[in-house]
Amino acid sequence: MGRLGSGCSCAGRAGRCRAGLWRPPWPARAWLRAPRSAGGAERATARLQRDLIGRDFTAAAPDQRWVGDFKEIPTGEGKVHLATVMDLYSRRIVGFATSDRHPTAKLAQAAIEVAVATRGGDVAGVIFHTDKGSQYTAGDFAKACDKLDITRSTGRVGCALDNAAAESLFSTLTHELLYQRDWATRRQARQDIARWITDWYNTRRLHSTLDMTSPTDYENTNTD
């Protein structure tokens, strides 16, 4: 959920990252040591997870590549946490979920389940790309994706550019909605966010990457 820009932590080590030349600063034996707990096993899984997108935020057809992230929305009652799933083919937000509590793997799973339902229940083989937040590397979320035949992909730790499409979505949400409204209650925020996604962003907002059409219009025009 990092900010997009020059503050990306991977920028300073670019010379060591490329071509697989970067090496962890800790001893190799610590890297290879078997985890002693379930939490350690999940952290090891997160380290080994691959980036299958490589900053190529395009797709040749629907349900080939999805991206996701979390966003905090302030209200007078406290924060609302939003989880989204966006299809890179059309930039359509195919799934989202909200929670009044700190985001967990359950919130990430809820958004994924909405996306799968939106797409008819079968998205076998889709790549779901995120950052390496604990919600996305948790064992419960991994099991949920495996059950749905979703392939997980993650960028590098602290590098917002590796998930730039999801970051761009939240930048749009911030400028078009969050900066325009102050919510007294969480309920008001949830209602406005849902309307912004379903009644504006997906159906009426024109996207330059989609030949100035909306995500749903682009899918209807270009998909059999």
C-alpha atoms as a PDB file:
ATOM      1  CA  MET A   1       0.000   0.000   0.000  1.00  0.00           C
ATOM      2  CA  GLY A   2       2.986   2.274  -0.472  1.00  0.00           C
ATOM      3  CA  ARG A   3       2.836   5.632  -2.173  1.00  0.00           C
ATOM      4  CA  LEU A   4       3.687   5.740  -5.837  1.00  0.00           C
ATOM      5  CA  GLY A   5       6.688   7.873  -6.689  1.00  0.00           C
ATOM      6  CA  SER A   6      10.384   8.366  -6.263  1.00  0.00           C
ATOM      7  CA  GLY A   7      10.215   7.096  -2.702  1.00  0.00           C
ATOM      8  CA  CYS A   8      10.029   3.509  -3.949  1.00  0.00           C
ATOM      9  CA  SER A   9      12.489   1.590  -1.844  1.00  0.00           C
ATOM     10  CA  CYS A  10      13.618  -0.582  -4.730  1.00  0.00           C
ATOM     11  CA  ALA A  11      14.980   2.428  -6.646  1.00  0.00           C
ATOM     12  CA  GLY A  12      18.044   2.849  -4.487  1.00  0.00           C
ATOM     13  CA  ARG A  13      19.211  -0.695  -5.047  1.00  0.00           C
ATOM     14  CA  ALA A  14      18.425  -0.898  -8.757  1.00  0.00           C
ATOM     15  CA  GLY A  15      22.009  -1.764  -9.595  1.00  0.00           C
ATOM     16  CA  ARG A  16      21.852  -4.772  -7.323  1.00  0.00           C
ATOM     17  CA  CYS A  17      18.291  -5.854  -8.203  1.00  0.00           C
ATOM     18  CA  ARG A  18      18.537  -6.274 -11.949  1.00  0.00           C
ATOM     19  CA  ALA A  19      19.556  -9.466 -13.683  1.00  0.00           C
ATOM     20  CA  GLY A  20      19.180 -11.391 -10.443  1.00  0.00           C
ATOM     21  CA  LEU A  21      22.340  -9.883  -8.968  1.00  0.00           C
ATOM     22  CA  TRP A  22      20.794  -8.631  -5.763  1.00  0.00           C
ATOM     23  CA  ARG A  23      21.423 -10.769  -2.699  1.00  0.00           C
ATOM     24  CA  PRO A  24      19.766 -10.555   0.729  1.00  0.00           C
ATOM     25  CA  PRO A  25      21.848  -8.730   3.365  1.00  0.00           C
ATOM     26  CA  TRP A  26      21.479 -11.616   5.831  1.00  0.00           C
ATOM     27  CA  PRO A  27      23.601 -14.820   5.908  1.00  0.00           C
ATOM     28  CA  ALA A  28      22.686 -17.559   3.465  1.00  0.00           C
ATOM     29  CA  ARG A  29      22.211 -20.035   6.297  1.00  0.00           C
ATOM     30  CA  ALA A  30      19.516 -17.843   7.831  1.00  0.00           C
ATOM     31  CA  TRP A  31      17.773 -17.685   4.435  1.00  0.00           C
ATOM     32  CA  LEU A  32      17.746 -21.469   4.047  1.00  0.00           C
ATOM     33  CA  ARG A  33      16.948 -22.416   7.640  1.00  0.00           C
ATOM     34  CA  ALA A  34      13.649 -24.282   7.941  1.00  0.00           C
ATOM     35  CA  PRO A  35      10.952 -22.219   9.694  1.00  0.00           C
ATOM     36  CA  ARG A  36      10.136 -23.257  13.246  1.00  0.00           C
ATOM     37  CA  SER A  37       6.538 -22.065  13.282  1.00  0.00           C
ATOM     38  CA  ALA A  38       3.522 -21.572  11.047  1.00  0.00           C
ATOM     39  CA  GLY A  39       4.264 -17.846  10.898  1.00  0.00           C
ATOM     40  CA  GLY A  40       7.796 -18.595   9.762  1.00  0.00           C
ATOM     41  CA  ALA A  41       6.470 -20.885   7.054  1.00  0.00           C
ATOM     42  CA  GLU A  42       4.207 -18.132   5.727  1.00  0.00           C
ATOM     43  CA  ARG A  43       7.103 -15.659   5.696  1.00  0.00           C
ATOM     44  CA  ALA A  44       9.215 -18.149   3.754  1.00  0.00           C
ATOM     45  CA  THR A  45       6.374 -18.560   1.233  1.00  0.00           C
ATOM     46  CA  ALA A  46       6.207 -14.775   0.809  1.00  0.00           C
ATOM     47  CA  ARG A  47       9.945 -14.581   0.105  1.00  0.00           C
ATOM     48  CA  LEU A  48       9.735 -17.258  -2.567  1.00  0.00           C
ATOM     49  CA  GLN A  49       6.651 -15.898  -4.328  1.00  0.00           C
ATOM     50  CA  ARG A  50       7.392 -14.689  -7.858  1.00  0.00           C
ATOM     51  CA  ASP A  51       6.485 -11.543  -9.770  1.00  0.00           C
ATOM     52  CA  LEU A  52       4.644 -12.891 -12.819  1.00  0.00           C
ATOM     53  CA  ILE A  53       3.650  -9.447 -14.129  1.00  0.00           C
ATOM     54  CA  GLY A  54       7.006  -7.677 -14.355  1.00  0.00           C
ATOM     55  CA  ARG A  55       5.340  -4.238 -14.545  1.00  0.00           C
ATOM     56  CA  ASP A  56       3.472  -5.244 -17.716  1.00  0.00           C
ATOM     57  CA  PHE A  57       0.007  -4.090 -16.716  1.00  0.00           C
ATOM     58  CA  THR A  58      -1.781  -5.329 -19.822  1.00  0.00           C
ATOM     59  CA  ALA A  59      -3.813  -8.393 -20.715  1.00  0.00           C
ATOM     60  CA  ALA A  60      -4.981  -9.813 -24.022  1.00  0.00           C
ATOM     61  CA  ALA A  61      -8.335 -10.993 -22.681  1.00  0.00           C
ATOM     62  CA  PRO A  62     -10.492 -10.794 -19.552  1.00  0.00           C
ATOM     63  CA  ASP A  63      -9.516 -12.843 -16.505  1.00  0.00           C
ATOM     64  CA  GLN A  64      -5.902 -13.327 -17.468  1.00  0.00           C
ATOM     65  CA  ARG A  65      -4.387 -10.814 -15.055  1.00  0.00           C
ATOM     66  CA  TRP A  66      -5.912  -9.168 -12.009  1.00  0.00           C
ATOM     67  CA  VAL A  67      -4.321  -6.748  -9.557  1.00  0.00           C
ATOM     68  CA  GLY A  68      -5.340  -5.893  -6.016  1.00  0.00           C
ATOM     69  CA  ASP A  69      -4.518  -3.661  -3.071  1.00  0.00           C
ATOM     70  CA  PHE A  70      -5.931  -2.023   0.066  1.00  0.00           C
ATOM     71  CA  LYS A  71      -6.960   1.584   0.695  1.00  0.00           C
ATOM     72  CA  GLU A  72      -7.770   3.400   3.946  1.00  0.00           C
ATOM     73  CA  ILE A  73     -10.713   5.822   3.898  1.00  0.00           C
ATOM     74  CA  PRO A  74     -11.051   8.195   6.882  1.00  0.00           C
ATOM     75  CA  THR A  75     -14.433   9.010   8.436  1.00  0.00           C
ATOM     76  CA  GLY A  76     -15.668  10.704  11.580  1.00  0.00           C
ATOM     77  CA  GLU A  77     -16.116   7.274  13.170  1.00  0.00           C
ATOM     78  CA  GLY A  78     -12.718   5.924  12.149  1.00  0.00           C
ATOM     79  CA  LYS A  79     -11.266   4.279   9.074  1.00  0.00           C
ATOM     80  CA  VAL A  80     -12.939   2.121   6.459  1.00  0.00           C
ATOM     81  CA  HIS A  81     -10.614  -0.345   4.747  1.00  0.00           C
ATOM     82  CA  LEU A  82     -11.239  -1.119   1.070  1.00  0.00           C
ATOM     83  CA  ALA A  83      -9.888  -4.139  -0.812  1.00  0.00           C
ATOM     84  CA  THR A  84     -10.154  -4.173  -4.605  1.00  0.00           C
ATOM     85  CA  VAL A  85      -9.617  -6.551  -7.510  1.00  0.00           C
ATOM     86  CA  MET A  86      -9.127  -4.997 -10.953  1.00  0.00           C
ATOM     87  CA  ASP A  87      -8.956  -6.789 -14.310  1.00  0.00           C
ATOM     88  CA  LEU A  88      -6.023  -5.434 -16.318  1.00  0.00           C
ATOM     89  CA  TYR A  89      -7.770  -6.164 -19.617  1.00  0.00           C
ATOM     90  CA  SER A  90     -10.460  -3.531 -19.126  1.00  0.00           C
ATOM     91  CA  ARG A  91      -9.455  -1.816 -15.855  1.00  0.00           C
ATOM     92  CA  ARG A  92     -12.826  -2.926 -14.509  1.00  0.00           C
ATOM     93  CA  ILE A  93     -13.083  -3.347 -10.743  1.00  0.00           C
ATOM     94  CA  VAL A  94     -14.507  -6.855 -10.736  1.00  0.00           C
ATOM     95  CA  GLY A  95     -14.463  -7.259  -6.967  1.00  0.00           C
ATOM     96  CA  PHE A  96     -14.268  -5.164  -3.815  1.00  0.00           C
ATOM     97  CA  ALA A  97     -14.987  -5.494  -0.123  1.00  0.00           C
ATOM     98  CA  THR A  98     -14.806  -3.215   2.912  1.00  0.00           C
ATOM     99  CA  SER A  99     -14.150  -3.629   6.613  1.00  0.00           C
ATOM    100  CA  ASP A 100     -14.207  -1.366   9.653  1.00  0.00           C
ATOM    101  CA  ARG A 101     -11.296  -3.259  11.178  1.00  0.00           C
ATOM    102  CA  HIS A 102      -7.635  -3.492  10.230  1.00  0.00           C
ATOM    103  CA  PRO A 103      -7.445  -5.384   6.901  1.00  0.00           C
ATOM    104  CA  THR A 104      -6.742  -9.089   7.140  1.00  0.00           C
ATOM    105  CA  ALA A 105      -6.511 -12.030   4.775  1.00  0.00           C
ATOM    106  CA  LYS A 106     -10.276 -12.439   5.209  1.00  0.00           C
ATOM    107  CA  LEU A 107     -10.887  -9.035   3.619  1.00  0.00           C
ATOM    108  CA  ALA A 108      -8.589  -9.889   0.705  1.00  0.00           C
ATOM    109  CA  GLN A 109     -10.401 -13.200   0.312  1.00  0.00           C
ATOM    110  CA  ALA A 110     -13.804 -11.483   0.375  1.00  0.00           C
ATOM    111  CA  ALA A 111     -12.810  -9.193  -2.505  1.00  0.00           C
ATOM    112  CA  ILE A 112     -11.481 -12.158  -4.504  1.00  0.00           C
ATOM    113  CA  GLU A 113     -14.673 -14.128  -3.945  1.00  0.00           C
ATOM    114  CA  VAL A 114     -16.763 -11.195  -5.203  1.00  0.00           C
ATOM    115  CA  ALA A 115     -14.539 -10.994  -8.304  1.00  0.00           C
ATOM    116  CA  VAL A 116     -14.937 -14.708  -8.993  1.00  0.00           C
ATOM    117  CA  ALA A 117     -18.721 -14.429  -8.637  1.00  0.00           C
ATOM    118  CA  THR A 118     -18.764 -11.402 -10.966  1.00  0.00           C
ATOM    119  CA  ARG A 119     -16.963 -13.476 -13.598  1.00  0.00           C
ATOM    120  CA  GLY A 120     -19.399 -16.372 -13.346  1.00  0.00           C
ATOM    121  CA  GLY A 121     -17.601 -18.571 -10.845  1.00  0.00           C
ATOM    122  CA  ASP A 122     -14.785 -19.962 -13.007  1.00  0.00           C
ATOM    123  CA  VAL A 123     -11.552 -17.971 -13.377  1.00  0.00           C
ATOM    124  CA  ALA A 124      -9.129 -20.891 -13.442  1.00  0.00           C
ATOM    125  CA  GLY A 125      -5.602 -19.784 -14.308  1.00  0.00           C
ATOM    126  CA  VAL A 126      -6.004 -16.053 -13.677  1.00  0.00           C
ATOM    127  CA  ILE A 127      -2.929 -14.355 -12.190  1.00  0.00           C
ATOM    128  CA  PHE A 128      -3.674 -12.157  -9.171  1.00  0.00           C
ATOM    129  CA  HIS A 129      -0.860  -9.659  -8.618  1.00  0.00           C
ATOM    130  CA  THR A 130      -0.404  -7.683  -5.391  1.00  0.00           C
ATOM    131  CA  ASP A 131       2.240  -6.266  -3.118  1.00  0.00           C
ATOM    132  CA  LYS A 132       3.772  -8.437  -0.426  1.00  0.00           C
ATOM    133  CA  GLY A 133       1.420  -7.268   2.315  1.00  0.00           C
ATOM    134  CA  SER A 134       0.815  -9.809   5.047  1.00  0.00           C
ATOM    135  CA  GLN A 135      -2.821 -10.139   3.991  1.00  0.00           C
ATOM    136  CA  TYR A 136      -1.785 -11.477   0.589  1.00  0.00           C
ATOM    137  CA  THR A 137       1.004 -13.747   1.837  1.00  0.00           C
ATOM    138  CA  ALA A 138      -1.060 -15.295   4.641  1.00  0.00           C
ATOM    139  CA  GLY A 139      -1.622 -19.032   4.534  1.00  0.00           C
ATOM    140  CA  ASP A 140      -5.421 -18.678   4.598  1.00  0.00           C
ATOM    141  CA  PHE A 141      -5.375 -16.431   1.538  1.00  0.00           C
ATOM    142  CA  ALA A 142      -3.038 -18.794  -0.289  1.00  0.00           C
ATOM    143  CA  LYS A 143      -5.419 -21.694   0.392  1.00  0.00           C
ATOM    144  CA  ALA A 144      -8.385 -19.671  -0.874  1.00  0.00           C
ATOM    145  CA  CYS A 145      -6.563 -18.851  -4.121  1.00  0.00           C
ATOM    146  CA  ASP A 146      -5.460 -22.456  -4.586  1.00  0.00           C
ATOM    147  CA  LYS A 147      -9.052 -23.608  -4.166  1.00  0.00           C
ATOM    148  CA  LEU A 148     -10.175 -21.194  -6.884  1.00  0.00           C
ATOM    149  CA  ASP A 149      -7.214 -22.062  -9.150  1.00  0.00           C
ATOM    150  CA  ILE A 150      -5.893 -18.496  -8.921  1.00  0.00           C
ATOM    151  CA  THR A 151      -2.145 -18.019  -9.360  1.00  0.00           C
ATOM    152  CA  ARG A 152      -0.668 -15.484  -6.940  1.00  0.00           C
ATOM    153  CA  SER A 153       2.011 -12.991  -7.975  1.00  0.00           C
ATOM    154  CA  THR A 154       3.722 -10.318  -5.878  1.00  0.00           C
ATOM    155  CA  GLY A 155       6.087  -7.417  -6.444  1.00  0.00           C
ATOM    156  CA  ARG A 156       9.076  -6.568  -4.298  1.00  0.00           C
ATOM    157  CA  VAL A 157       8.747  -5.413  -0.723  1.00  0.00           C
ATOM    158  CA  GLY A 158       8.135  -1.650  -0.492  1.00  0.00           C
ATOM    159  CA  CYS A 159       8.177  -1.071  -4.270  1.00  0.00           C
ATOM    160  CA  ALA A 160       4.942   0.635  -5.303  1.00  0.00           C
ATOM    161  CA  LEU A 161       5.964   0.647  -8.980  1.00  0.00           C
ATOM    162  CA  ASP A 162       5.633  -3.141  -9.038  1.00  0.00           C
ATOM    163  CA  ASN A 163       1.899  -2.690  -8.431  1.00  0.00           C
ATOM    164  CA  ALA A 164       1.457   0.617 -10.248  1.00  0.00           C
ATOM    165  CA  ALA A 165      -1.920  -0.193 -11.808  1.00  0.00           C
ATOM    166  CA  ALA A 166      -3.532  -0.737  -8.412  1.00  0.00           C
ATOM    167  CA  GLU A 167      -1.807   2.386  -7.075  1.00  0.00           C
ATOM    168  CA  SER A 168      -3.154   4.387 -10.028  1.00  0.00           C
ATOM    169  CA  LEU A 169      -6.693   3.237  -9.269  1.00  0.00           C
ATOM    170  CA  PHE A 170      -6.436   4.502  -5.706  1.00  0.00           C
ATOM    171  CA  SER A 171      -4.959   7.790  -6.885  1.00  0.00           C
ATOM    172  CA  THR A 172      -8.045   8.243  -9.058  1.00  0.00           C
ATOM    173  CA  LEU A 173     -10.331   7.316  -6.158  1.00  0.00           C
ATOM    174  CA  THR A 174      -8.551   9.792  -3.897  1.00  0.00           C
ATOM    175  CA  HIS A 175      -8.817  12.735  -6.292  1.00  0.00           C
ATOM    176  CA  GLU A 176     -12.310  12.059  -7.607  1.00  0.00           C
ATOM    177  CA  LEU A 177     -14.029  11.046  -4.374  1.00  0.00           C
ATOM    178  CA  LEU A 178     -11.995  11.214  -1.165  1.00  0.00           C
ATOM    179  CA  TYR A 179     -10.845  14.801  -1.684  1.00  0.00           C
ATOM    180  CA  GLN A 180     -14.418  15.823  -2.478  1.00  0.00           C
ATOM    181  CA  ARG A 181     -16.155  14.362   0.576  1.00  0.00           C
ATOM    182  CA  ASP A 182     -15.922  14.269   4.356  1.00  0.00           C
ATOM    183  CA  TRP A 183     -17.897  11.407   5.872  1.00  0.00           C
ATOM    184  CA  ALA A 184     -19.350  11.527   9.357  1.00  0.00           C
ATOM    185  CA  THR A 185     -20.005   7.781   9.427  1.00  0.00           C
ATOM    186  CA  ARG A 186     -18.470   4.639   8.008  1.00  0.00           C
ATOM    187  CA  ARG A 187     -21.806   3.671   6.492  1.00  0.00           C
ATOM    188  CA  GLN A 188     -21.895   6.848   4.399  1.00  0.00           C
ATOM    189  CA  ALA A 189     -18.363   6.190   3.157  1.00  0.00           C
ATOM    190  CA  ARG A 190     -19.124   2.583   2.213  1.00  0.00           C
ATOM    191  CA  GLN A 191     -22.237   3.633   0.293  1.00  0.00           C
ATOM    192  CA  ASP A 192     -20.429   6.372  -1.649  1.00  0.00           C
ATOM    193  CA  ILE A 193     -17.477   4.124  -2.467  1.00  0.00           C
ATOM    194  CA  ALA A 194     -19.780   1.399  -3.783  1.00  0.00           C
ATOM    195  CA  ARG A 195     -21.666   3.940  -5.930  1.00  0.00           C
ATOM    196  CA  TRP A 196     -18.405   5.432  -7.239  1.00  0.00           C
ATOM    197  CA  ILE A 197     -17.211   2.002  -8.351  1.00  0.00           C
ATOM    198  CA  THR A 198     -20.425   0.584  -9.800  1.00  0.00           C
ATOM    199  CA  ASP A 199     -22.187   3.711 -11.104  1.00  0.00           C
ATOM    200  CA  TRP A 200     -19.185   5.743 -12.229  1.00  0.00           C
ATOM    201  CA  TYR A 201     -15.770   4.108 -12.519  1.00  0.00           C
ATOM    202  CA  ASN A 202     -16.861   0.828 -14.137  1.00  0.00           C
ATOM    203  CA  THR A 203     -19.727   2.084 -16.258  1.00  0.00           C
ATOM    204  CA  ARG A 204     -19.251   5.747 -17.195  1.00  0.00           C
ATOM    205  CA  ARG A 205     -15.701   6.946 -16.531  1.00  0.00           C
ATOM    206  CA  LEU A 206     -13.714   7.184 -19.777  1.00  0.00           C
ATOM    207  CA  HIS A 207     -10.203   5.700 -19.764  1.00  0.00           C
ATOM    208  CA  SER A 208      -7.438   6.807 -22.104  1.00  0.00           C
ATOM    209  CA  THR A 209      -5.987   3.273 -22.061  1.00  0.00           C
ATOM    210  CA  LEU A 210      -9.338   1.947 -23.335  1.00  0.00           C
ATOM    211  CA  ASP A 211      -9.711   4.254 -26.351  1.00  0.00           C
ATOM    212  CA  MET A 212     -11.783   6.647 -24.222  1.00  0.00           C
ATOM    213  CA  THR A 213     -14.461   4.164 -23.269  1.00  0.00           C
ATOM    214  CA  SER A 214     -15.592   2.842 -19.903  1.00  0.00           C
ATOM    215  CA  PRO A 215     -14.427  -0.564 -18.626  1.00  0.00           C
ATOM    216  CA  THR A 216     -17.813  -2.237 -19.140  1.00  0.00           C
ATOM    217  CA  ASP A 217     -18.268  -0.719 -22.598  1.00  0.00           C
ATOM    218  CA  TYR A 218     -14.762  -1.842 -23.555  1.00  0.00           C
ATOM    219  CA  GLU A 219     -15.523  -5.402 -22.501  1.00  0.00           C
ATOM    220  CA  ASN A 220     -18.878  -5.437 -24.270  1.00  0.00           C
ATOM    221  CA  THR A 221     -17.342  -4.117 -27.491  1.00  0.00           C
ATOM    222  CA  ASN A 222     -14.176  -6.200 -27.575  1.00  0.00           C
ATOM    223  CA  THR A 223     -15.182  -9.494 -25.981  1.00  0.00           C
ATOM    224  CA  ASP A 224     -17.154 -12.252 -27.694  1.00  0.00           C
END
